Amino acid sequence: MTLFHKIIRREIPADIVYEDEHLIAFRDIAPQAPVHVLFVPKETIPSLDAARPEHAELVGRLALAAAEYARQEGFAEDGYRIVMNCNGHGGQTVYQMHLHLLAGAPLGRFGTP
């Protein structure tokens, strides 16, 4: 069980900003931008690499929920970034698939490895 599963089960506190029957979204405890929200499916899927064709709708729900949140919070027009880290070399540290929404300031370009 991951930290995210404990948040979903309300075993540990989180600043939850969105929830429906399929996913939950909460503010990152170590934000990398003024707005940094994690969108997490309630179904256990360790990483994007572990997702299967039957998860396509759920992956889409994550992206659409992030976009809706950006519009509701008023920063969609200025822009935002969504990122999914996958496995160790991709920067994933919690092995439950999740999407990062980053916004609130110019984010610049991705660097090179």
C-alpha atoms as a PDB file:
ATOM      1  CA  MET A   1       0.000   0.000   0.000  1.00  0.00           C
ATOM      2  CA  THR A   2       1.362   3.422  -0.971  1.00  0.00           C
ATOM      3  CA  LEU A   3       1.057   6.821   0.627  1.00  0.00           C
ATOM      4  CA  PHE A   4      -1.569   7.654  -2.004  1.00  0.00           C
ATOM      5  CA  HIS A   5      -3.678   4.636  -1.036  1.00  0.00           C
ATOM      6  CA  LYS A   6      -3.586   5.853   2.571  1.00  0.00           C
ATOM      7  CA  ILE A   7      -4.805   9.283   1.418  1.00  0.00           C
ATOM      8  CA  ILE A   8      -7.603   7.690  -0.618  1.00  0.00           C
ATOM      9  CA  ARG A   9      -8.640   5.700   2.480  1.00  0.00           C
ATOM     10  CA  ARG A  10      -8.388   8.842   4.643  1.00  0.00           C
ATOM     11  CA  GLU A  11      -5.782   7.176   6.842  1.00  0.00           C
ATOM     12  CA  ILE A  12      -3.536  10.221   6.538  1.00  0.00           C
ATOM     13  CA  PRO A  13      -4.566  13.834   5.905  1.00  0.00           C
ATOM     14  CA  ALA A  14      -4.230  15.639   2.596  1.00  0.00           C
ATOM     15  CA  ASP A  15      -5.440  18.900   1.112  1.00  0.00           C
ATOM     16  CA  ILE A  16      -7.999  17.329  -1.222  1.00  0.00           C
ATOM     17  CA  VAL A  17      -9.160  19.644  -4.016  1.00  0.00           C
ATOM     18  CA  TYR A  18     -11.204  17.223  -6.136  1.00  0.00           C
ATOM     19  CA  GLU A  19     -12.744  13.786  -5.830  1.00  0.00           C
ATOM     20  CA  ASP A  20     -15.183  11.623  -7.715  1.00  0.00           C
ATOM     21  CA  GLU A  21     -15.876   7.893  -7.853  1.00  0.00           C
ATOM     22  CA  HIS A  22     -12.804   7.266 -10.062  1.00  0.00           C
ATOM     23  CA  LEU A  23     -10.079   9.576  -8.774  1.00  0.00           C
ATOM     24  CA  ILE A  24      -8.876  11.948  -6.106  1.00  0.00           C
ATOM     25  CA  ALA A  25      -6.747  15.094  -6.385  1.00  0.00           C
ATOM     26  CA  PHE A  26      -4.744  16.766  -3.656  1.00  0.00           C
ATOM     27  CA  ARG A  27      -1.990  19.335  -3.259  1.00  0.00           C
ATOM     28  CA  ASP A  28       1.573  17.988  -3.346  1.00  0.00           C
ATOM     29  CA  ILE A  29       3.340  18.277   0.011  1.00  0.00           C
ATOM     30  CA  ALA A  30       6.588  19.297  -1.748  1.00  0.00           C
ATOM     31  CA  PRO A  31       5.330  21.607  -4.514  1.00  0.00           C
ATOM     32  CA  GLN A  32       7.517  22.242  -7.545  1.00  0.00           C
ATOM     33  CA  ALA A  33       5.386  25.221  -8.686  1.00  0.00           C
ATOM     34  CA  PRO A  34       2.954  27.639  -6.996  1.00  0.00           C
ATOM     35  CA  VAL A  35       0.182  25.210  -7.950  1.00  0.00           C
ATOM     36  CA  HIS A  36       1.110  21.523  -7.735  1.00  0.00           C
ATOM     37  CA  VAL A  37      -1.783  19.092  -7.550  1.00  0.00           C
ATOM     38  CA  LEU A  38      -1.652  15.302  -7.914  1.00  0.00           C
ATOM     39  CA  PHE A  39      -4.495  13.482  -9.675  1.00  0.00           C
ATOM     40  CA  VAL A  40      -4.615   9.825  -8.617  1.00  0.00           C
ATOM     41  CA  PRO A  41      -6.922   7.013  -9.723  1.00  0.00           C
ATOM     42  CA  LYS A  42      -8.607   5.109  -6.934  1.00  0.00           C
ATOM     43  CA  GLU A  43      -7.942   1.854  -8.779  1.00  0.00           C
ATOM     44  CA  THR A  44      -4.496   0.446  -8.047  1.00  0.00           C
ATOM     45  CA  ILE A  45      -2.246   0.817 -11.095  1.00  0.00           C
ATOM     46  CA  PRO A  46       1.457   1.030 -10.125  1.00  0.00           C
ATOM     47  CA  SER A  47       2.614   3.120 -13.110  1.00  0.00           C
ATOM     48  CA  LEU A  48       1.600   4.242 -16.570  1.00  0.00           C
ATOM     49  CA  ASP A  49       3.659   1.319 -17.878  1.00  0.00           C
ATOM     50  CA  ALA A  50       1.399  -1.050 -15.910  1.00  0.00           C
ATOM     51  CA  ALA A  51      -1.764   0.444 -17.419  1.00  0.00           C
ATOM     52  CA  ARG A  52      -3.604  -1.690 -19.940  1.00  0.00           C
ATOM     53  CA  PRO A  53      -6.109  -0.892 -22.715  1.00  0.00           C
ATOM     54  CA  GLU A  54      -8.974  -1.257 -20.246  1.00  0.00           C
ATOM     55  CA  HIS A  55      -7.475   1.663 -18.274  1.00  0.00           C
ATOM     56  CA  ALA A  56      -7.649   4.091 -21.222  1.00  0.00           C
ATOM     57  CA  GLU A  57     -10.797   5.782 -19.965  1.00  0.00           C
ATOM     58  CA  LEU A  58      -9.321   6.209 -16.497  1.00  0.00           C
ATOM     59  CA  VAL A  59      -6.112   7.754 -17.864  1.00  0.00           C
ATOM     60  CA  GLY A  60      -8.281  10.137 -19.877  1.00  0.00           C
ATOM     61  CA  ARG A  61     -10.302  11.002 -16.774  1.00  0.00           C
ATOM     62  CA  LEU A  62      -7.090  12.049 -15.000  1.00  0.00           C
ATOM     63  CA  ALA A  63      -6.163  14.471 -17.794  1.00  0.00           C
ATOM     64  CA  LEU A  64      -9.682  15.856 -18.162  1.00  0.00           C
ATOM     65  CA  ALA A  65     -10.065  16.365 -14.411  1.00  0.00           C
ATOM     66  CA  ALA A  66      -6.752  18.268 -14.356  1.00  0.00           C
ATOM     67  CA  ALA A  67      -7.890  20.477 -17.245  1.00  0.00           C
ATOM     68  CA  GLU A  68     -11.230  21.171 -15.554  1.00  0.00           C
ATOM     69  CA  TYR A  69      -9.459  22.040 -12.304  1.00  0.00           C
ATOM     70  CA  ALA A  70      -7.180  24.463 -14.193  1.00  0.00           C
ATOM     71  CA  ARG A  71     -10.215  26.183 -15.741  1.00  0.00           C
ATOM     72  CA  GLN A  72     -12.074  26.358 -12.411  1.00  0.00           C
ATOM     73  CA  GLU A  73      -9.059  27.829 -10.611  1.00  0.00           C
ATOM     74  CA  GLY A  74      -8.509  30.423 -13.343  1.00  0.00           C
ATOM     75  CA  PHE A  75      -5.042  29.547 -14.567  1.00  0.00           C
ATOM     76  CA  ALA A  76      -5.892  27.542 -17.693  1.00  0.00           C
ATOM     77  CA  GLU A  77      -5.613  30.551 -19.988  1.00  0.00           C
ATOM     78  CA  ASP A  78      -2.123  31.417 -18.708  1.00  0.00           C
ATOM     79  CA  GLY A  79      -1.116  27.772 -19.072  1.00  0.00           C
ATOM     80  CA  TYR A  80      -0.172  24.748 -17.054  1.00  0.00           C
ATOM     81  CA  ARG A  81       1.768  21.537 -17.369  1.00  0.00           C
ATOM     82  CA  ILE A  82       0.692  17.965 -16.705  1.00  0.00           C
ATOM     83  CA  VAL A  83       3.338  15.300 -16.157  1.00  0.00           C
ATOM     84  CA  MET A  84       3.275  11.575 -15.493  1.00  0.00           C
ATOM     85  CA  ASN A  85       6.531  10.129 -14.229  1.00  0.00           C
ATOM     86  CA  CYS A  86       6.959   6.439 -14.994  1.00  0.00           C
ATOM     87  CA  ASN A  87       9.242   4.120 -13.023  1.00  0.00           C
ATOM     88  CA  GLY A  88      12.609   4.956 -11.511  1.00  0.00           C
ATOM     89  CA  HIS A  89      14.451   6.603 -14.395  1.00  0.00           C
ATOM     90  CA  GLY A  90      11.302   8.604 -15.163  1.00  0.00           C
ATOM     91  CA  GLY A  91      11.328  10.084 -11.673  1.00  0.00           C
ATOM     92  CA  GLN A  92       8.431   8.118 -10.182  1.00  0.00           C
ATOM     93  CA  THR A  93       8.758   7.801  -6.399  1.00  0.00           C
ATOM     94  CA  VAL A  94       5.265   6.635  -5.407  1.00  0.00           C
ATOM     95  CA  TYR A  95       4.195   3.503  -7.249  1.00  0.00           C
ATOM     96  CA  GLN A  96       0.587   4.382  -7.869  1.00  0.00           C
ATOM     97  CA  MET A  97      -0.022   5.968 -11.269  1.00  0.00           C
ATOM     98  CA  HIS A  98      -0.656   9.696 -10.909  1.00  0.00           C
ATOM     99  CA  LEU A  99      -0.598  12.904 -12.865  1.00  0.00           C
ATOM    100  CA  HIS A 100       1.088  16.121 -11.697  1.00  0.00           C
ATOM    101  CA  LEU A 101      -0.591  19.431 -12.529  1.00  0.00           C
ATOM    102  CA  LEU A 102       1.870  22.340 -12.288  1.00  0.00           C
ATOM    103  CA  ALA A 103       0.891  25.982 -12.745  1.00  0.00           C
ATOM    104  CA  GLY A 104       0.898  29.455 -11.279  1.00  0.00           C
ATOM    105  CA  ALA A 105       4.156  30.737 -12.824  1.00  0.00           C
ATOM    106  CA  PRO A 106       6.080  30.414 -16.097  1.00  0.00           C
ATOM    107  CA  LEU A 107       7.469  26.874 -16.044  1.00  0.00           C
ATOM    108  CA  GLY A 108      10.108  27.146 -18.728  1.00  0.00           C
ATOM    109  CA  ARG A 109      11.392  24.378 -20.948  1.00  0.00           C
ATOM    110  CA  PHE A 110      12.367  20.878 -19.949  1.00  0.00           C
ATOM    111  CA  GLY A 111      16.124  20.465 -19.520  1.00  0.00           C
ATOM    112  CA  THR A 112      18.311  17.765 -20.971  1.00  0.00           C
ATOM    113  CA  PRO A 113      19.376  14.705 -18.953  1.00  0.00           C
END
